[in-house]
Amino acid sequence: MKKINTYLGALVFCLALANIIVSARVSNTGDTLRNLENQAREMKHENQLLEQQVVSTRSLTTLSAKAADLGFTAKPGILTLPTDEAVAAAIIP
């Protein structure tokens, strides 16, 4: 009977130790999961902000303002180049 009690006591001790180890690992996994969820939430928010920036930079008002800054005009003027017959004669034999 004493042998059985010893074996049962050792089994209970091993199971309690295993329970402590598994609980510690589950606790760490929960923290990791919470951190990953927070990162995912932050990335979604950042993604939304970047999408808004893309839409903003592609809008017609932004593009027209950039075009005006670069010197483009809505109604281009007609530019005539002077024709010099001597240059044309030198090019064409």
PDB file of N, CA and C in Angstrom:
ATOM      1  N   MET A   1       0.811  -1.184   0.000  1.00  0.00           N
ATOM      2  CA  MET A   1       0.000   0.000   0.000  1.00  0.00           C
ATOM      3  C   MET A   1       0.865   1.263   0.000  1.00  0.00           C
ATOM      4  N   LYS A   2       1.986   1.187   0.705  1.00  0.00           N
ATOM      5  CA  LYS A   2       2.877   2.330   0.762  1.00  0.00           C
ATOM      6  C   LYS A   2       3.470   2.624  -0.605  1.00  0.00           C
ATOM      7  N   LYS A   3       3.741   1.563  -1.355  1.00  0.00           N
ATOM      8  CA  LYS A   3       4.297   1.738  -2.697  1.00  0.00           C
ATOM      9  C   LYS A   3       3.310   2.471  -3.606  1.00  0.00           C
ATOM     10  N   ILE A   4       2.061   2.104  -3.502  1.00  0.00           N
ATOM     11  CA  ILE A   4       1.036   2.726  -4.331  1.00  0.00           C
ATOM     12  C   ILE A   4       0.910   4.203  -3.965  1.00  0.00           C
ATOM     13  N   ASN A   5       0.930   4.496  -2.672  1.00  0.00           N
ATOM     14  CA  ASN A   5       0.844   5.894  -2.235  1.00  0.00           C
ATOM     15  C   ASN A   5       2.047   6.697  -2.747  1.00  0.00           C
ATOM     16  N   THR A   6       3.211   6.078  -2.746  1.00  0.00           N
ATOM     17  CA  THR A   6       4.410   6.755  -3.233  1.00  0.00           C
ATOM     18  C   THR A   6       4.281   7.040  -4.723  1.00  0.00           C
ATOM     19  N   TYR A   7       3.824   6.033  -5.476  1.00  0.00           N
ATOM     20  CA  TYR A   7       3.648   6.220  -6.919  1.00  0.00           C
ATOM     21  C   TYR A   7       2.577   7.276  -7.218  1.00  0.00           C
ATOM     22  N   LEU A   8       1.488   7.224  -6.488  1.00  0.00           N
ATOM     23  CA  LEU A   8       0.430   8.215  -6.678  1.00  0.00           C
ATOM     24  C   LEU A   8       0.922   9.614  -6.311  1.00  0.00           C
ATOM     25  N   GLY A   9       1.681   9.730  -5.270  1.00  0.00           N
ATOM     26  CA  GLY A   9       2.234  11.021  -4.867  1.00  0.00           C
ATOM     27  C   GLY A   9       3.180  11.567  -5.943  1.00  0.00           C
ATOM     28  N   ALA A  10       4.019  10.692  -6.501  1.00  0.00           N
ATOM     29  CA  ALA A  10       4.931  11.115  -7.562  1.00  0.00           C
ATOM     30  C   ALA A  10       4.145  11.517  -8.809  1.00  0.00           C
ATOM     31  N   LEU A  11       3.098  10.765  -9.127  1.00  0.00           N
ATOM     32  CA  LEU A  11       2.261  11.082 -10.287  1.00  0.00           C
ATOM     33  C   LEU A  11       1.566  12.437 -10.103  1.00  0.00           C
ATOM     34  N   VAL A  12       1.024  12.680  -8.921  1.00  0.00           N
ATOM     35  CA  VAL A  12       0.367  13.951  -8.634  1.00  0.00           C
ATOM     36  C   VAL A  12       1.367  15.093  -8.738  1.00  0.00           C
ATOM     37  N   PHE A  13       2.590  14.889  -8.214  1.00  0.00           N
ATOM     38  CA  PHE A  13       3.625  15.912  -8.296  1.00  0.00           C
ATOM     39  C   PHE A  13       3.984  16.211  -9.757  1.00  0.00           C
ATOM     40  N   CYS A  14       4.154  15.165 -10.561  1.00  0.00           N
ATOM     41  CA  CYS A  14       4.490  15.363 -11.983  1.00  0.00           C
ATOM     42  C   CYS A  14       3.359  16.075 -12.721  1.00  0.00           C
ATOM     43  N   LEU A  15       2.129  15.699 -12.454  1.00  0.00           N
ATOM     44  CA  LEU A  15       0.986  16.352 -13.101  1.00  0.00           C
ATOM     45  C   LEU A  15       0.877  17.821 -12.673  1.00  0.00           C
ATOM     46  N   ALA A  16       1.127  18.111 -11.420  1.00  0.00           N
ATOM     47  CA  ALA A  16       1.084  19.495 -10.949  1.00  0.00           C
ATOM     48  C   ALA A  16       2.191  20.312 -11.614  1.00  0.00           C
ATOM     49  N   LEU A  17       3.372  19.715 -11.737  1.00  0.00           N
ATOM     50  CA  LEU A  17       4.485  20.392 -12.397  1.00  0.00           C
ATOM     51  C   LEU A  17       4.167  20.639 -13.875  1.00  0.00           C
ATOM     52  N   ALA A  18       3.581  19.630 -14.534  1.00  0.00           N
ATOM     53  CA  ALA A  18       3.198  19.792 -15.941  1.00  0.00           C
ATOM     54  C   ALA A  18       2.141  20.883 -16.078  1.00  0.00           C
ATOM     55  N   ASN A  19       1.211  20.944 -15.143  1.00  0.00           N
ATOM     56  CA  ASN A  19       0.166  21.970 -15.174  1.00  0.00           C
ATOM     57  C   ASN A  19       0.781  23.362 -15.048  1.00  0.00           C
ATOM     58  N   ILE A  20       1.753  23.526 -14.186  1.00  0.00           N
ATOM     59  CA  ILE A  20       2.417  24.820 -14.013  1.00  0.00           C
ATOM     60  C   ILE A  20       3.141  25.222 -15.289  1.00  0.00           C
ATOM     61  N   ILE A  21       3.846  24.277 -15.911  1.00  0.00           N
ATOM     62  CA  ILE A  21       4.593  24.567 -17.140  1.00  0.00           C
ATOM     63  C   ILE A  21       3.643  24.959 -18.266  1.00  0.00           C
ATOM     64  N   VAL A  22       2.562  24.209 -18.439  1.00  0.00           N
ATOM     65  CA  VAL A  22       1.593  24.507 -19.498  1.00  0.00           C
ATOM     66  C   VAL A  22       0.915  25.851 -19.239  1.00  0.00           C
ATOM     67  N   SER A  23       0.606  26.144 -18.005  1.00  0.00           N
ATOM     68  CA  SER A  23      -0.029  27.429 -17.680  1.00  0.00           C
ATOM     69  C   SER A  23       0.898  28.595 -18.004  1.00  0.00           C
ATOM     70  N   ALA A  24       2.174  28.442 -17.723  1.00  0.00           N
ATOM     71  CA  ALA A  24       3.134  29.506 -18.029  1.00  0.00           C
ATOM     72  C   ALA A  24       3.235  29.722 -19.530  1.00  0.00           C
ATOM     73  N   ARG A  25       3.255  28.646 -20.294  1.00  0.00           N
ATOM     74  CA  ARG A  25       3.341  28.776 -21.753  1.00  0.00           C
ATOM     75  C   ARG A  25       2.075  29.405 -22.324  1.00  0.00           C
ATOM     76  N   VAL A  26       0.923  29.024 -21.822  1.00  0.00           N
ATOM     77  CA  VAL A  26      -0.335  29.597 -22.297  1.00  0.00           C
ATOM     78  C   VAL A  26      -0.380  31.082 -21.961  1.00  0.00           C
ATOM     79  N   SER A  27       0.116  31.451 -20.814  1.00  0.00           N
ATOM     80  CA  SER A  27       0.157  32.856 -20.419  1.00  0.00           C
ATOM     81  C   SER A  27       1.024  33.651 -21.382  1.00  0.00           C
ATOM     82  N   ASN A  28       2.184  33.128 -21.719  1.00  0.00           N
ATOM     83  CA  ASN A  28       3.069  33.817 -22.673  1.00  0.00           C
ATOM     84  C   ASN A  28       2.435  33.889 -24.057  1.00  0.00           C
ATOM     85  N   THR A  29       1.743  32.857 -24.449  1.00  0.00           N
ATOM     86  CA  THR A  29       1.080  32.848 -25.748  1.00  0.00           C
ATOM     87  C   THR A  29      -0.015  33.906 -25.798  1.00  0.00           C
ATOM     88  N   GLY A  30      -0.729  34.081 -24.692  1.00  0.00           N
ATOM     89  CA  GLY A  30      -1.771  35.109 -24.630  1.00  0.00           C
ATOM     90  C   GLY A  30      -1.190  36.503 -24.796  1.00  0.00           C
ATOM     91  N   ASP A  31      -0.060  36.759 -24.154  1.00  0.00           N
ATOM     92  CA  ASP A  31       0.593  38.066 -24.302  1.00  0.00           C
ATOM     93  C   ASP A  31       1.044  38.286 -25.733  1.00  0.00           C
ATOM     94  N   THR A  32       1.621  37.260 -26.339  1.00  0.00           N
ATOM     95  CA  THR A  32       2.076  37.360 -27.731  1.00  0.00           C
ATOM     96  C   THR A  32       0.893  37.624 -28.655  1.00  0.00           C
ATOM     97  N   LEU A  33      -0.206  36.918 -28.430  1.00  0.00           N
ATOM     98  CA  LEU A  33      -1.401  37.096 -29.246  1.00  0.00           C
ATOM     99  C   LEU A  33      -1.940  38.521 -29.110  1.00  0.00           C
ATOM    100  N   ARG A  34      -1.961  39.046 -27.905  1.00  0.00           N
ATOM    101  CA  ARG A  34      -2.439  40.410 -27.675  1.00  0.00           C
ATOM    102  C   ARG A  34      -1.545  41.422 -28.398  1.00  0.00           C
ATOM    103  N   ASN A  35      -0.237  41.216 -28.342  1.00  0.00           N
ATOM    104  CA  ASN A  35       0.688  42.110 -29.043  1.00  0.00           C
ATOM    105  C   ASN A  35       0.479  42.057 -30.553  1.00  0.00           C
ATOM    106  N   LEU A  36       0.289  40.861 -31.084  1.00  0.00           N
ATOM    107  CA  LEU A  36       0.055  40.722 -32.525  1.00  0.00           C
ATOM    108  C   LEU A  36      -1.252  41.381 -32.947  1.00  0.00           C
ATOM    109  N   GLU A  37      -2.276  41.257 -32.127  1.00  0.00           N
ATOM    110  CA  GLU A  37      -3.550  41.906 -32.441  1.00  0.00           C
ATOM    111  C   GLU A  37      -3.404  43.426 -32.435  1.00  0.00           C
ATOM    112  N   ASN A  38      -2.642  43.951 -31.480  1.00  0.00           N
ATOM    113  CA  ASN A  38      -2.404  45.395 -31.446  1.00  0.00           C
ATOM    114  C   ASN A  38      -1.633  45.858 -32.678  1.00  0.00           C
ATOM    115  N   GLN A  39      -0.628  45.094 -33.082  1.00  0.00           N
ATOM    116  CA  GLN A  39       0.135  45.438 -34.281  1.00  0.00           C
ATOM    117  C   GLN A  39      -0.758  45.404 -35.521  1.00  0.00           C
ATOM    118  N   ALA A  40      -1.626  44.405 -35.611  1.00  0.00           N
ATOM    119  CA  ALA A  40      -2.527  44.306 -36.760  1.00  0.00           C
ATOM    120  C   ALA A  40      -3.471  45.505 -36.801  1.00  0.00           C
ATOM    121  N   ARG A  41      -3.983  45.912 -35.648  1.00  0.00           N
ATOM    122  CA  ARG A  41      -4.882  47.071 -35.579  1.00  0.00           C
ATOM    123  C   ARG A  41      -4.144  48.346 -36.009  1.00  0.00           C
ATOM    124  N   GLU A  42      -2.916  48.510 -35.535  1.00  0.00           N
ATOM    125  CA  GLU A  42      -2.131  49.690 -35.911  1.00  0.00           C
ATOM    126  C   GLU A  42      -1.823  49.695 -37.402  1.00  0.00           C
ATOM    127  N   MET A  43      -1.525  48.541 -37.962  1.00  0.00           N
ATOM    128  CA  MET A  43      -1.222  48.460 -39.392  1.00  0.00           C
ATOM    129  C   MET A  43      -2.453  48.754 -40.236  1.00  0.00           C
ATOM    130  N   LYS A  44      -3.616  48.309 -39.797  1.00  0.00           N
ATOM    131  CA  LYS A  44      -4.846  48.625 -40.524  1.00  0.00           C
ATOM    132  C   LYS A  44      -5.103  50.129 -40.522  1.00  0.00           C
ATOM    133  N   HIS A  45      -4.878  50.749 -39.376  1.00  0.00           N
ATOM    134  CA  HIS A  45      -5.072  52.200 -39.280  1.00  0.00           C
ATOM    135  C   HIS A  45      -4.080  52.930 -40.179  1.00  0.00           C
ATOM    136  N   GLU A  46      -2.827  52.507 -40.147  1.00  0.00           N
ATOM    137  CA  GLU A  46      -1.803  53.128 -41.002  1.00  0.00           C
ATOM    138  C   GLU A  46      -2.128  52.913 -42.474  1.00  0.00           C
ATOM    139  N   ASN A  47      -2.638  51.740 -42.806  1.00  0.00           N
ATOM    140  CA  ASN A  47      -3.022  51.441 -44.185  1.00  0.00           C
ATOM    141  C   ASN A  47      -4.147  52.367 -44.647  1.00  0.00           C
ATOM    142  N   GLN A  48      -5.109  52.630 -43.782  1.00  0.00           N
ATOM    143  CA  GLN A  48      -6.191  53.543 -44.132  1.00  0.00           C
ATOM    144  C   GLN A  48      -5.661  54.953 -44.373  1.00  0.00           C
ATOM    145  N   LEU A  49      -4.727  55.387 -43.524  1.00  0.00           N
ATOM    146  CA  LEU A  49      -4.140  56.719 -43.712  1.00  0.00           C
ATOM    147  C   LEU A  49      -3.379  56.801 -45.035  1.00  0.00           C
ATOM    148  N   LEU A  50      -2.641  55.749 -45.366  1.00  0.00           N
ATOM    149  CA  LEU A  50      -1.895  55.742 -46.620  1.00  0.00           C
ATOM    150  C   LEU A  50      -2.830  55.723 -47.829  1.00  0.00           C
ATOM    151  N   GLU A  51      -3.940  54.997 -47.721  1.00  0.00           N
ATOM    152  CA  GLU A  51      -4.921  54.984 -48.807  1.00  0.00           C
ATOM    153  C   GLU A  51      -5.505  56.380 -49.012  1.00  0.00           C
ATOM    154  N   GLN A  52      -5.771  57.082 -47.920  1.00  0.00           N
ATOM    155  CA  GLN A  52      -6.286  58.446 -48.027  1.00  0.00           C
ATOM    156  C   GLN A  52      -5.259  59.363 -48.682  1.00  0.00           C
ATOM    157  N   GLN A  53      -3.987  59.176 -48.363  1.00  0.00           N
ATOM    158  CA  GLN A  53      -2.940  59.987 -48.983  1.00  0.00           C
ATOM    159  C   GLN A  53      -2.846  59.711 -50.477  1.00  0.00           C
ATOM    160  N   VAL A  54      -2.973  58.443 -50.869  1.00  0.00           N
ATOM    161  CA  VAL A  54      -2.919  58.093 -52.292  1.00  0.00           C
ATOM    162  C   VAL A  54      -4.079  58.734 -53.035  1.00  0.00           C
ATOM    163  N   VAL A  55      -5.261  58.651 -52.466  1.00  0.00           N
ATOM    164  CA  VAL A  55      -6.435  59.264 -53.096  1.00  0.00           C
ATOM    165  C   VAL A  55      -6.247  60.771 -53.181  1.00  0.00           C
ATOM    166  N   SER A  56      -5.707  61.353 -52.131  1.00  0.00           N
ATOM    167  CA  SER A  56      -5.497  62.802 -52.118  1.00  0.00           C
ATOM    168  C   SER A  56      -4.497  63.238 -53.181  1.00  0.00           C
ATOM    169  N   THR A  57      -3.402  62.492 -53.331  1.00  0.00           N
ATOM    170  CA  THR A  57      -2.388  62.894 -54.314  1.00  0.00           C
ATOM    171  C   THR A  57      -2.847  62.637 -55.739  1.00  0.00           C
ATOM    172  N   ARG A  58      -3.810  61.769 -55.921  1.00  0.00           N
ATOM    173  CA  ARG A  58      -4.300  61.485 -57.269  1.00  0.00           C
ATOM    174  C   ARG A  58      -5.533  62.300 -57.632  1.00  0.00           C
ATOM    175  N   SER A  59      -5.988  63.148 -56.743  1.00  0.00           N
ATOM    176  CA  SER A  59      -7.177  63.931 -57.039  1.00  0.00           C
ATOM    177  C   SER A  59      -6.863  64.968 -58.107  1.00  0.00           C
ATOM    178  N   LEU A  60      -7.893  65.390 -58.824  1.00  0.00           N
ATOM    179  CA  LEU A  60      -7.710  66.331 -59.928  1.00  0.00           C
ATOM    180  C   LEU A  60      -7.207  67.692 -59.453  1.00  0.00           C
ATOM    181  N   THR A  61      -7.651  68.125 -58.303  1.00  0.00           N
ATOM    182  CA  THR A  61      -7.198  69.433 -57.826  1.00  0.00           C
ATOM    183  C   THR A  61      -5.707  69.402 -57.501  1.00  0.00           C
ATOM    184  N   THR A  62      -5.256  68.307 -56.888  1.00  0.00           N
ATOM    185  CA  THR A  62      -3.832  68.193 -56.570  1.00  0.00           C
ATOM    186  C   THR A  62      -3.006  68.105 -57.841  1.00  0.00           C
ATOM    187  N   LEU A  63      -3.485  67.305 -58.796  1.00  0.00           N
ATOM    188  CA  LEU A  63      -2.748  67.175 -60.057  1.00  0.00           C
ATOM    189  C   LEU A  63      -2.706  68.484 -60.823  1.00  0.00           C
ATOM    190  N   SER A  64      -3.806  69.232 -60.837  1.00  0.00           N
ATOM    191  CA  SER A  64      -3.802  70.508 -61.551  1.00  0.00           C
ATOM    192  C   SER A  64      -2.893  71.519 -60.864  1.00  0.00           C
ATOM    193  N   ALA A  65      -2.838  71.502 -59.546  1.00  0.00           N
ATOM    194  CA  ALA A  65      -1.939  72.408 -58.828  1.00  0.00           C
ATOM    195  C   ALA A  65      -0.482  72.062 -59.123  1.00  0.00           C
ATOM    196  N   LYS A  66      -0.168  70.773 -59.162  1.00  0.00           N
ATOM    197  CA  LYS A  66       1.204  70.361 -59.479  1.00  0.00           C
ATOM    198  C   LYS A  66       1.556  70.722 -60.915  1.00  0.00           C
ATOM    199  N   ALA A  67       0.607  70.563 -61.815  1.00  0.00           N
ATOM    200  CA  ALA A  67       0.845  70.920 -63.212  1.00  0.00           C
ATOM    201  C   ALA A  67       1.104  72.420 -63.342  1.00  0.00           C
ATOM    202  N   ALA A  68       0.351  73.230 -62.623  1.00  0.00           N
ATOM    203  CA  ALA A  68       0.558  74.675 -62.659  1.00  0.00           C
ATOM    204  C   ALA A  68       1.923  75.043 -62.099  1.00  0.00           C
ATOM    205  N   ASP A  69       2.344  74.348 -61.034  1.00  0.00           N
ATOM    206  CA  ASP A  69       3.672  74.599 -60.465  1.00  0.00           C
ATOM    207  C   ASP A  69       4.783  74.264 -61.461  1.00  0.00           C
ATOM    208  N   LEU A  70       4.546  73.262 -62.295  1.00  0.00           N
ATOM    209  CA  LEU A  70       5.550  72.851 -63.276  1.00  0.00           C
ATOM    210  C   LEU A  70       5.516  73.692 -64.547  1.00  0.00           C
ATOM    211  N   GLY A  71       4.562  74.603 -64.645  1.00  0.00           N
ATOM    212  CA  GLY A  71       4.523  75.502 -65.791  1.00  0.00           C
ATOM    213  C   GLY A  71       3.545  75.102 -66.877  1.00  0.00           C
ATOM    214  N   PHE A  72       2.773  74.075 -66.653  1.00  0.00           N
ATOM    215  CA  PHE A  72       1.767  73.695 -67.637  1.00  0.00           C
ATOM    216  C   PHE A  72       0.599  74.671 -67.556  1.00  0.00           C
ATOM    217  N   THR A  73      -0.024  74.946 -68.678  1.00  0.00           N
ATOM    218  CA  THR A  73      -1.167  75.853 -68.691  1.00  0.00           C
ATOM    219  C   THR A  73      -2.380  75.130 -69.237  1.00  0.00           C
ATOM    220  N   ALA A  74      -3.552  75.646 -68.878  1.00  0.00           N
ATOM    221  CA  ALA A  74      -4.791  75.017 -69.339  1.00  0.00           C
ATOM    222  C   ALA A  74      -5.014  75.304 -70.824  1.00  0.00           C
ATOM    223  N   LYS A  75      -4.652  76.502 -71.257  1.00  0.00           N
ATOM    224  CA  LYS A  75      -4.823  76.884 -72.660  1.00  0.00           C
ATOM    225  C   LYS A  75      -3.460  77.320 -73.196  1.00  0.00           C
ATOM    226  N   PRO A  76      -2.767  76.410 -73.804  1.00  0.00           N
ATOM    227  CA  PRO A  76      -1.434  76.776 -74.285  1.00  0.00           C
ATOM    228  C   PRO A  76      -1.520  77.772 -75.441  1.00  0.00           C
ATOM    229  N   GLY A  77      -0.573  78.698 -75.467  1.00  0.00           N
ATOM    230  CA  GLY A  77      -0.505  79.672 -76.560  1.00  0.00           C
ATOM    231  C   GLY A  77       0.188  79.052 -77.764  1.00  0.00           C
ATOM    232  N   ILE A  78      -0.018  79.673 -78.886  1.00  0.00           N
ATOM    233  CA  ILE A  78       0.605  79.184 -80.111  1.00  0.00           C
ATOM    234  C   ILE A  78       1.987  79.811 -80.221  1.00  0.00           C
ATOM    235  N   LEU A  79       2.940  78.965 -80.460  1.00  0.00           N
ATOM    236  CA  LEU A  79       4.318  79.421 -80.572  1.00  0.00           C
ATOM    237  C   LEU A  79       4.777  79.153 -82.002  1.00  0.00           C
ATOM    238  N   THR A  80       5.206  80.188 -82.656  1.00  0.00           N
ATOM    239  CA  THR A  80       5.704  80.008 -84.025  1.00  0.00           C
ATOM    240  C   THR A  80       7.205  80.202 -84.029  1.00  0.00           C
ATOM    241  N   LEU A  81       7.862  79.308 -84.727  1.00  0.00           N
ATOM    242  CA  LEU A  81       9.310  79.380 -84.825  1.00  0.00           C
ATOM    243  C   LEU A  81       9.674  80.101 -86.120  1.00  0.00           C
ATOM    244  N   PRO A  82      10.682  80.930 -86.056  1.00  0.00           N
ATOM    245  CA  PRO A  82      11.078  81.617 -87.282  1.00  0.00           C
ATOM    246  C   PRO A  82      11.672  80.631 -88.285  1.00  0.00           C
ATOM    247  N   THR A  83      11.330  80.826 -89.503  1.00  0.00           N
ATOM    248  CA  THR A  83      11.870  79.951 -90.543  1.00  0.00           C
ATOM    249  C   THR A  83      13.001  80.677 -91.246  1.00  0.00           C
ATOM    250  N   ASP A  84      14.083  80.047 -91.288  1.00  0.00           N
ATOM    251  CA  ASP A  84      15.245  80.618 -91.959  1.00  0.00           C
ATOM    252  C   ASP A  84      15.559  79.725 -93.150  1.00  0.00           C
ATOM    253  N   GLU A  85      15.448  80.241 -94.326  1.00  0.00           N
ATOM    254  CA  GLU A  85      15.638  79.438 -95.532  1.00  0.00           C
ATOM    255  C   GLU A  85      17.071  78.946 -95.666  1.00  0.00           C
ATOM    256  N   ALA A  86      18.013  79.660 -95.147  1.00  0.00           N
ATOM    257  CA  ALA A  86      19.411  79.239 -95.256  1.00  0.00           C
ATOM    258  C   ALA A  86      19.646  77.947 -94.490  1.00  0.00           C
ATOM    259  N   VAL A  87      19.016  77.806 -93.319  1.00  0.00           N
ATOM    260  CA  VAL A  87      19.156  76.581 -92.542  1.00  0.00           C
ATOM    261  C   VAL A  87      18.514  75.429 -93.273  1.00  0.00           C
ATOM    262  N   ALA A  88      17.323  75.647 -93.833  1.00  0.00           N
ATOM    263  CA  ALA A  88      16.637  74.597 -94.576  1.00  0.00           C
ATOM    264  C   ALA A  88      17.420  74.206 -95.821  1.00  0.00           C
ATOM    265  N   ALA A  89      18.021  75.152 -96.493  1.00  0.00           N
ATOM    266  CA  ALA A  89      18.799  74.859 -97.692  1.00  0.00           C
ATOM    267  C   ALA A  89      20.057  74.063 -97.342  1.00  0.00           C
ATOM    268  N   ALA A  90      20.641  74.304 -96.178  1.00  0.00           N
ATOM    269  CA  ALA A  90      21.849  73.581 -95.798  1.00  0.00           C
ATOM    270  C   ALA A  90      21.530  72.139 -95.434  1.00  0.00           C
ATOM    271  N   ILE A  91      20.341  71.906 -94.934  1.00  0.00           N
ATOM    272  CA  ILE A  91      19.973  70.549 -94.544  1.00  0.00           C
ATOM    273  C   ILE A  91      19.564  69.734 -95.759  1.00  0.00           C
ATOM    274  N   ILE A  92      18.799  70.308 -96.645  1.00  0.00           N
ATOM    275  CA  ILE A  92      18.301  69.590 -97.825  1.00  0.00           C
ATOM    276  C   ILE A  92      19.222  69.904 -99.003  1.00  0.00           C
ATOM    277  N   PRO A  93      19.849  68.888 -99.594  1.00  0.00           N
ATOM    278  CA  PRO A  93      20.769  69.146-100.728  1.00  0.00           C
ATOM    279  C   PRO A  93      20.049  69.453-102.004  1.00  0.00           C
TER     280      PRO A  93
END
